[in-house]
Amino acid sequence: MTLVSRRLASVDAFRALTMLLMIFVNDLVSLTDVPRWLEHAEEMEDRMGLADVVFPAFLFIVGLSIPFAIANRQAKGYTRRSTLLHILNRSLALLIMGVYNVNYENYFSKGALIPKYWWLLLATMAFFLVWLDYPKDMSKARKRIFQFTGIGLLAFLAIIYKGDDDHGHTIWLRTHWYGILGLIGWCYLICACLYLWQKGRQPILWVSLFFFLGLCIAEKAGLLLVLKPMRNFFWVVGSGSLPVLTMAGVLAGIIYRNGVDKGRAVQSLGILLIFGLLAAIAGFGLRPFWGISKIRSTPAWILICTGISLGVFVFLAWLMDLKGKRNWYNIIKPAGTSTLTCYLLPNIHFAVYHLMGDRWRLPANLRTDGMGIVKSLIYAFLIVLLTGLLEKKKFRLSV
């Protein structure tokens, strides 16, 4: 059996670990006295905390999954045209969800038809109505009713939306920075289309990786000022910085898949380890120019995170795919198989929590320092556990 015909445990485990950490670091905002090494670094700081590594790891995994996902579709007989439409549909879904989530941050309740947290709750419910993985035995008519209800709800929420900009002016829905899901959608769209176009051939994909990296360096060096009028379009993916992570994942997936299919898995992991070491060395080499910063998407941050992601994947692939040690991640497995569901569940909790009022808030001693960190870890595991329970009930998003 070739690798393309089965699901990789290492990829699912990497995705699950990253999703667990994403929920954990997102919940740190509810705490006080959090150690600096866990939190995001400030914009002008030359460092990164654990929180600054999680999002780039997820972008890497998005790319890592592309060769296997597309190969599996081809093995099932899907045409390149249908795969392209699949890519476009997934990208559009992520962009829409990202834009709604990022606009929630700017929602201005005063004078609005509904309060801010009701808007978030209804938007998240609409996502599930539109993109739920409905049972195959459900009638098309019933499925369409649910989906059109969700679309109608999103349209209603867009109509009543009232936000405010940095100057206190009332604004309507805007793309802003597209949100986490939107950025993932853009990177997935770009890299999946490049992979599909090249049919997995590496040369142009390597050229694309270095093009995106060169674009990021050129922007930081001030060489792209002539393109400033196009900023709203050209800078949509961090001036090329974010696709570097996703394309690195694509190339890692190709190298590993080819290695396993040819009986050279260990050699392929060795290549990936060297790839990761070179990326990290290059990152530290560029650090003196613009520092390490997630907020500013500096080349050093991109390359160091690429190196970290490659190192983690090499370890997981060796441990799980080659040594067969897989049982340890069963408890967090739903975060790797129903990832988007897992990501959105905290939105529902967050909205309901605030709608219920402060009397339901945990005591301050449970939201401080060590106890707070334990609380956030427990919370992350509970979200994953709930995701698993919903998955058993066939309740998960299809994106």
Protein backbone atom coordinates (compact mmCIF):
# COMPACT_ATOMS: atom_id res chain seq x y z
CA MET A 1 0.00 0.00 0.00
CA THR A 2 1.42 3.37 -0.96
CA LEU A 3 1.40 6.34 1.37
CA VAL A 4 -1.03 8.30 -0.78
CA SER A 5 -3.78 5.74 -0.21
CA ARG A 6 -3.93 6.08 3.58
CA ARG A 7 -4.14 8.86 6.14
CA LEU A 8 -0.89 9.91 7.79
CA ALA A 9 -1.03 9.68 11.59
CA SER A 10 1.91 12.06 11.93
CA VAL A 11 0.15 14.82 9.99
CA ASP A 12 -3.05 14.43 12.00
CA ALA A 13 -1.06 14.41 15.25
CA PHE A 14 0.87 17.53 14.28
CA ARG A 15 -2.39 19.26 13.39
CA ALA A 16 -4.02 18.11 16.64
CA LEU A 17 -1.11 19.32 18.79
CA THR A 18 -1.09 22.67 17.02
CA MET A 19 -4.85 23.09 17.41
CA LEU A 20 -4.63 22.20 21.10
CA LEU A 21 -1.89 24.81 21.56
CA MET A 22 -3.87 27.38 19.58
CA ILE A 23 -6.86 27.03 21.89
CA PHE A 24 -4.51 27.15 24.90
CA VAL A 25 -2.65 30.33 23.87
CA ASN A 26 -5.89 32.03 22.78
CA ASP A 27 -7.30 31.42 26.24
CA LEU A 28 -4.28 33.07 27.89
CA VAL A 29 -5.91 36.46 27.30
CA SER A 30 -8.34 35.58 30.10
CA LEU A 31 -5.43 35.31 32.58
CA THR A 32 -3.18 37.69 34.48
CA ASP A 33 0.53 37.37 35.30
CA VAL A 34 1.20 35.02 32.38
CA PRO A 35 4.92 34.21 31.79
CA ARG A 36 6.30 36.20 28.85
CA TRP A 37 7.60 33.10 27.09
CA LEU A 38 4.03 31.84 26.63
CA GLU A 39 2.54 35.05 25.22
CA HIS A 40 2.86 36.92 21.94
CA ALA A 41 5.84 39.27 21.78
CA GLU A 42 5.07 42.97 21.37
CA GLU A 43 5.38 44.50 17.90
CA MET A 44 8.81 46.06 18.37
CA GLU A 45 10.30 43.29 20.51
CA ASP A 46 13.02 41.11 19.02
CA ARG A 47 11.78 37.74 20.28
CA MET A 48 8.93 35.29 20.09
CA GLY A 49 6.90 33.39 22.65
CA LEU A 50 5.12 30.07 22.33
CA ALA A 51 2.03 31.86 21.01
CA ASP A 52 4.09 33.25 18.11
CA VAL A 53 4.99 29.74 16.91
CA VAL A 54 1.49 28.23 16.79
CA PHE A 55 -0.02 30.05 13.79
CA PRO A 56 3.01 29.50 11.52
CA ALA A 57 2.99 25.82 12.49
CA PHE A 58 -0.64 25.64 11.38
CA LEU A 59 0.18 27.28 8.04
CA PHE A 60 2.97 24.72 7.59
CA ILE A 61 0.51 21.88 8.27
CA VAL A 62 -1.95 23.31 5.74
CA GLY A 63 0.77 22.96 3.11
CA LEU A 64 1.93 19.59 4.42
CA SER A 65 -1.57 18.17 3.93
CA ILE A 66 -1.99 19.39 0.34
CA PRO A 67 0.04 16.69 -1.50
CA PHE A 68 -1.69 13.89 0.41
CA ALA A 69 -5.19 15.37 0.07
CA ILE A 70 -4.89 15.98 -3.67
CA ALA A 71 -3.26 12.57 -4.27
CA ASN A 72 -6.14 10.92 -2.37
CA ARG A 73 -8.68 12.74 -4.52
CA GLN A 74 -6.88 11.60 -7.65
CA ALA A 75 -6.81 8.01 -6.37
CA LYS A 76 -10.60 8.20 -5.93
CA GLY A 77 -11.05 9.29 -9.53
CA TYR A 78 -11.69 13.01 -9.10
CA THR A 79 -10.68 15.16 -12.07
CA ARG A 80 -8.29 18.11 -11.81
CA ARG A 81 -11.23 20.43 -12.57
CA SER A 82 -13.27 19.06 -9.65
CA THR A 83 -10.21 19.32 -7.39
CA LEU A 84 -9.73 22.94 -8.42
CA LEU A 85 -13.38 23.68 -7.60
CA HIS A 86 -12.89 21.93 -4.26
CA ILE A 87 -9.89 24.17 -3.53
CA LEU A 88 -11.83 27.29 -4.51
CA ASN A 89 -14.83 26.31 -2.36
CA ARG A 90 -12.68 25.61 0.71
CA SER A 91 -10.75 28.86 0.24
CA LEU A 92 -13.96 30.88 -0.11
CA ALA A 93 -15.40 29.31 3.04
CA LEU A 94 -12.27 30.13 5.05
CA LEU A 95 -12.20 33.70 3.70
CA ILE A 96 -15.85 34.32 4.58
CA MET A 97 -15.46 32.91 8.09
CA GLY A 98 -12.24 34.86 8.56
CA VAL A 99 -13.80 38.15 7.50
CA TYR A 100 -16.79 37.69 9.83
CA ASN A 101 -14.52 36.77 12.75
CA VAL A 102 -12.21 39.74 12.24
CA ASN A 103 -15.18 42.13 11.94
CA TYR A 104 -16.51 40.88 15.26
CA GLU A 105 -13.41 42.46 16.84
CA ASN A 106 -14.53 45.87 15.51
CA TYR A 107 -18.25 45.41 16.25
CA PHE A 108 -19.72 48.43 17.98
CA SER A 109 -22.74 47.46 20.09
CA LYS A 110 -23.98 50.99 20.83
CA GLY A 111 -26.86 51.70 18.47
CA ALA A 112 -26.60 48.24 16.85
CA LEU A 113 -29.65 46.02 16.48
CA ILE A 114 -28.15 43.20 18.56
CA PRO A 115 -25.28 43.11 21.11
CA LYS A 116 -21.75 42.18 20.07
CA TYR A 117 -21.73 38.70 21.59
CA TRP A 118 -25.07 37.76 20.04
CA TRP A 119 -23.60 38.77 16.68
CA LEU A 120 -20.61 36.43 17.22
CA LEU A 121 -22.81 33.57 18.40
CA LEU A 122 -25.20 33.83 15.46
CA ALA A 123 -22.34 34.12 12.96
CA THR A 124 -20.71 30.96 14.30
CA MET A 125 -24.03 29.12 14.22
CA ALA A 126 -24.44 30.23 10.61
CA PHE A 127 -21.02 28.79 9.73
CA PHE A 128 -22.17 25.40 10.98
CA LEU A 129 -25.46 25.61 9.09
CA VAL A 130 -23.71 26.42 5.80
CA TRP A 131 -20.63 24.18 6.00
CA LEU A 132 -21.69 21.27 8.20
CA ASP A 133 -20.74 17.83 6.92
CA TYR A 134 -24.35 16.71 6.56
CA PRO A 135 -25.19 12.98 6.59
CA LYS A 136 -25.16 11.39 3.15
CA ASP A 137 -28.63 9.95 3.73
CA MET A 138 -30.13 13.39 4.41
CA SER A 139 -32.43 14.58 1.64
CA LYS A 140 -31.07 17.32 -0.60
CA ALA A 141 -34.11 19.48 0.10
CA ARG A 142 -33.61 19.37 3.86
CA LYS A 143 -29.89 20.04 3.49
CA ARG A 144 -30.60 23.05 1.28
CA ILE A 145 -33.05 24.45 3.84
CA PHE A 146 -30.36 24.36 6.55
CA GLN A 147 -27.70 25.81 4.26
CA PHE A 148 -29.89 28.63 2.93
CA THR A 149 -30.95 29.42 6.50
CA GLY A 150 -27.27 29.85 7.34
CA ILE A 151 -26.64 32.00 4.25
CA GLY A 152 -29.65 34.13 5.11
CA LEU A 153 -28.41 34.53 8.67
CA LEU A 154 -24.98 35.66 7.45
CA ALA A 155 -26.64 38.14 5.09
CA PHE A 156 -28.79 39.48 7.96
CA LEU A 157 -25.73 39.87 10.20
CA ALA A 158 -23.92 41.72 7.43
CA ILE A 159 -26.84 44.11 6.92
CA ILE A 160 -27.14 45.04 10.59
CA TYR A 161 -23.39 45.20 11.20
CA LYS A 162 -22.00 48.40 12.75
CA GLY A 163 -18.31 48.71 13.48
CA ASP A 164 -15.90 51.48 14.31
CA ASP A 165 -12.47 52.26 12.89
CA ASP A 166 -9.39 53.62 14.65
CA HIS A 167 -10.83 57.14 14.45
CA GLY A 168 -14.19 56.28 15.99
CA HIS A 169 -16.08 56.42 12.67
CA THR A 170 -18.90 53.97 12.04
CA ILE A 171 -17.99 51.43 9.35
CA TRP A 172 -19.59 48.43 7.65
CA LEU A 173 -18.03 44.98 7.15
CA ARG A 174 -14.45 45.19 5.89
CA THR A 175 -11.79 42.64 5.08
CA HIS A 176 -9.32 44.27 7.51
CA TRP A 177 -6.47 41.69 7.80
CA TYR A 178 -8.84 38.80 6.92
CA GLY A 179 -8.50 37.13 10.33
CA ILE A 180 -6.68 33.88 11.07
CA LEU A 181 -9.02 31.76 8.96
CA GLY A 182 -8.87 34.23 6.09
CA LEU A 183 -5.07 34.21 6.02
CA ILE A 184 -5.12 30.41 6.06
CA GLY A 185 -7.60 30.54 3.18
CA TRP A 186 -5.34 32.77 1.07
CA CYS A 187 -2.25 30.65 1.70
CA TYR A 188 -4.15 27.44 0.99
CA LEU A 189 -5.57 28.88 -2.24
CA ILE A 190 -2.19 30.04 -3.54
CA CYS A 191 -0.18 26.95 -2.62
CA ALA A 192 -2.82 24.35 -3.49
CA CYS A 193 -3.34 25.91 -6.93
CA LEU A 194 0.42 25.99 -7.54
CA TYR A 195 0.70 22.34 -6.51
CA LEU A 196 -2.24 21.33 -8.71
CA TRP A 197 -0.85 23.28 -11.67
CA GLN A 198 2.58 21.65 -11.34
CA LYS A 199 1.12 18.20 -10.59
CA GLY A 200 3.48 17.89 -7.64
CA ARG A 201 6.65 18.61 -9.59
CA GLN A 202 9.14 20.32 -7.32
CA PRO A 203 11.21 22.83 -9.38
CA ILE A 204 8.57 25.55 -9.79
CA LEU A 205 7.37 25.00 -6.23
CA TRP A 206 10.89 25.64 -4.92
CA VAL A 207 11.07 28.74 -7.11
CA SER A 208 7.74 29.85 -5.60
CA LEU A 209 9.07 29.33 -2.07
CA PHE A 210 12.11 31.53 -2.73
CA PHE A 211 10.00 34.07 -4.60
CA PHE A 212 7.70 34.51 -1.59
CA LEU A 213 10.71 34.71 0.74
CA GLY A 214 12.43 37.22 -1.54
CA LEU A 215 9.24 39.28 -1.67
CA CYS A 216 9.14 39.39 2.13
CA ILE A 217 12.79 40.46 2.35
CA ALA A 218 12.35 43.07 -0.38
CA GLU A 219 9.32 44.58 1.38
CA LYS A 220 11.16 44.79 4.69
CA ALA A 221 14.14 46.41 2.91
CA GLY A 222 11.83 49.08 1.46
CA LEU A 223 12.33 47.93 -2.12
CA LEU A 224 8.60 47.63 -2.87
CA LEU A 225 7.52 51.19 -2.11
CA VAL A 226 6.74 51.66 -5.79
CA LEU A 227 3.90 49.16 -5.30
CA LYS A 228 2.36 51.09 -2.41
CA PRO A 229 -0.83 51.99 -4.39
CA MET A 230 -1.50 48.22 -4.65
CA ARG A 231 -1.01 47.64 -0.93
CA ASN A 232 -4.60 46.55 -0.25
CA PHE A 233 -4.20 43.70 -2.72
CA PHE A 234 -0.49 42.94 -2.81
CA TRP A 235 0.01 42.68 0.96
CA VAL A 236 -2.88 40.30 1.53
CA VAL A 237 -0.57 37.47 2.63
CA GLY A 238 2.02 39.44 4.56
CA SER A 239 4.02 40.48 1.51
CA GLY A 240 4.69 36.84 0.70
CA SER A 241 5.79 35.88 4.20
CA LEU A 242 2.90 33.58 5.10
CA PRO A 243 2.89 31.50 1.88
CA VAL A 244 6.55 30.67 2.63
CA LEU A 245 5.35 28.58 5.58
CA THR A 246 2.61 26.85 3.59
CA MET A 247 4.83 26.18 0.57
CA ALA A 248 7.53 24.79 2.88
CA GLY A 249 4.87 22.38 4.14
CA VAL A 250 3.92 21.43 0.57
CA LEU A 251 7.53 20.62 -0.30
CA ALA A 252 8.00 18.69 2.94
CA GLY A 253 4.90 16.64 2.11
CA ILE A 254 6.18 15.86 -1.39
CA ILE A 255 9.64 14.84 -0.17
CA TYR A 256 8.28 12.63 2.59
CA ARG A 257 5.58 11.02 0.42
CA ASN A 258 8.07 10.23 -2.34
CA GLY A 259 10.55 8.86 0.18
CA VAL A 260 8.05 6.49 1.80
CA ASP A 261 6.65 5.28 -1.51
CA LYS A 262 10.19 4.45 -2.66
CA GLY A 263 11.11 2.74 0.61
CA ARG A 264 13.44 5.58 1.63
CA ALA A 265 11.48 7.13 4.49
CA VAL A 266 14.49 7.56 6.79
CA GLN A 267 16.48 9.30 4.06
CA SER A 268 13.57 11.64 3.31
CA LEU A 269 13.32 12.58 6.99
CA GLY A 270 17.04 13.28 6.97
CA ILE A 271 16.55 15.65 4.04
CA LEU A 272 13.73 17.42 5.86
CA LEU A 273 15.85 17.74 8.99
CA ILE A 274 18.62 19.39 6.98
CA PHE A 275 16.00 21.63 5.32
CA GLY A 276 14.78 22.68 8.78
CA LEU A 277 18.29 23.34 10.11
CA LEU A 278 19.16 25.48 7.10
CA ALA A 279 15.91 27.46 7.46
CA ALA A 280 16.59 28.11 11.17
CA ILE A 281 20.22 29.11 10.50
CA ALA A 282 19.09 31.49 7.75
CA GLY A 283 16.49 32.93 10.12
CA PHE A 284 19.02 33.71 12.83
CA GLY A 285 21.32 35.07 10.14
CA LEU A 286 18.64 37.59 9.11
CA ARG A 287 17.73 38.47 12.69
CA PRO A 288 20.11 41.47 12.92
CA PHE A 289 18.28 43.23 10.06
CA TRP A 290 14.65 43.27 11.22
CA GLY A 291 14.58 41.12 14.34
CA ILE A 292 12.22 38.27 15.15
CA SER A 293 8.62 39.47 15.11
CA LYS A 294 5.33 37.75 14.34
CA ILE A 295 3.37 41.01 14.20
CA ARG A 296 5.77 42.46 11.61
CA SER A 297 6.13 39.09 9.79
CA THR A 298 9.89 39.41 9.64
CA PRO A 299 11.94 36.98 7.52
CA ALA A 300 13.74 35.76 10.65
CA TRP A 301 10.43 34.81 12.29
CA ILE A 302 9.25 33.03 9.14
CA LEU A 303 12.42 31.00 8.68
CA ILE A 304 12.90 30.08 12.35
CA CYS A 305 9.28 28.92 12.58
CA THR A 306 9.74 26.94 9.36
CA GLY A 307 12.73 25.22 10.95
CA ILE A 308 10.79 24.47 14.14
CA SER A 309 7.83 23.07 12.17
CA LEU A 310 10.07 20.84 10.08
CA GLY A 311 11.83 19.57 13.19
CA VAL A 312 8.54 18.73 14.93
CA PHE A 313 7.19 16.96 11.84
CA VAL A 314 10.38 14.90 11.41
CA PHE A 315 10.11 13.75 15.03
CA LEU A 316 6.40 12.87 14.74
CA ALA A 317 6.88 11.07 11.42
CA TRP A 318 9.72 9.01 12.91
CA LEU A 319 7.76 8.27 16.10
CA MET A 320 4.37 7.50 14.57
CA ASP A 321 4.80 6.45 10.94
CA LEU A 322 8.07 4.57 11.27
CA LYS A 323 7.97 3.35 14.89
CA GLY A 324 4.20 2.93 15.06
CA LYS A 325 3.83 4.80 18.38
CA ARG A 326 0.38 6.28 17.83
CA ASN A 327 -1.80 5.57 20.84
CA TRP A 328 -0.48 8.53 22.83
CA TYR A 329 -2.39 11.06 20.72
CA ASN A 330 -5.82 9.39 20.78
CA ILE A 331 -7.02 11.82 23.44
CA ILE A 332 -6.39 14.83 21.17
CA LYS A 333 -7.09 13.10 17.84
CA PRO A 334 -10.39 14.96 17.18
CA ALA A 335 -8.44 18.24 17.02
CA GLY A 336 -6.58 16.77 14.04
CA THR A 337 -9.56 15.29 12.21
CA SER A 338 -12.26 17.91 12.96
CA THR A 339 -9.91 20.85 13.20
CA LEU A 340 -12.17 23.68 12.06
CA THR A 341 -14.96 22.50 14.34
CA CYS A 342 -12.47 22.54 17.21
CA TYR A 343 -11.31 26.04 16.28
CA LEU A 344 -14.84 27.51 16.21
CA LEU A 345 -16.25 25.93 19.39
CA PRO A 346 -14.47 28.47 21.66
CA ASN A 347 -16.36 31.23 19.79
CA ILE A 348 -19.63 29.73 20.99
CA HIS A 349 -18.37 29.34 24.54
CA PHE A 350 -16.89 32.85 24.56
CA ALA A 351 -20.15 34.42 23.36
CA VAL A 352 -22.38 32.46 25.76
CA TYR A 353 -19.99 33.13 28.65
CA HIS A 354 -20.18 36.89 28.16
CA LEU A 355 -23.94 36.86 27.59
CA MET A 356 -24.40 35.08 30.95
CA GLY A 357 -22.61 37.88 32.82
CA ASP A 358 -19.72 38.32 35.25
CA ARG A 359 -21.29 36.19 37.97
CA TRP A 360 -20.18 33.12 36.02
CA ARG A 361 -16.58 34.28 35.88
CA LEU A 362 -13.97 32.11 37.61
CA PRO A 363 -12.35 33.50 40.79
CA ALA A 364 -9.24 35.60 40.22
CA ASN A 365 -6.93 33.03 41.85
CA LEU A 366 -7.91 30.52 39.14
CA ARG A 367 -7.03 33.01 36.43
CA THR A 368 -3.59 34.00 37.65
CA ASP A 369 -0.08 32.70 37.03
CA GLY A 370 0.34 28.91 37.45
CA MET A 371 -3.29 28.14 38.32
CA GLY A 372 -4.41 30.17 35.34
CA ILE A 373 -2.12 28.21 33.01
CA VAL A 374 -3.54 24.94 34.36
CA LYS A 375 -7.03 26.35 33.79
CA SER A 376 -6.23 27.20 30.17
CA LEU A 377 -4.74 23.74 29.57
CA ILE A 378 -7.85 22.06 31.00
CA TYR A 379 -10.02 24.34 28.88
CA ALA A 380 -8.12 23.37 25.71
CA PHE A 381 -8.51 19.66 26.48
CA LEU A 382 -12.22 20.10 27.21
CA ILE A 383 -12.76 21.78 23.83
CA VAL A 384 -10.97 18.87 22.13
CA LEU A 385 -13.03 16.38 24.13
CA LEU A 386 -16.25 18.13 23.08
CA THR A 387 -15.05 18.09 19.47
CA GLY A 388 -14.57 14.33 19.75
CA LEU A 389 -18.06 13.82 21.19
CA LEU A 390 -19.57 15.86 18.35
CA GLU A 391 -17.48 13.96 15.80
CA LYS A 392 -18.93 10.67 17.05
CA LYS A 393 -22.36 12.16 16.42
CA LYS A 394 -21.21 13.00 12.85
CA PHE A 395 -21.34 16.70 13.73
CA ARG A 396 -18.36 18.37 12.09
CA LEU A 397 -17.60 20.98 9.46
CA SER A 398 -16.77 19.77 5.95
CA VAL A 399 -14.22 22.51 5.20
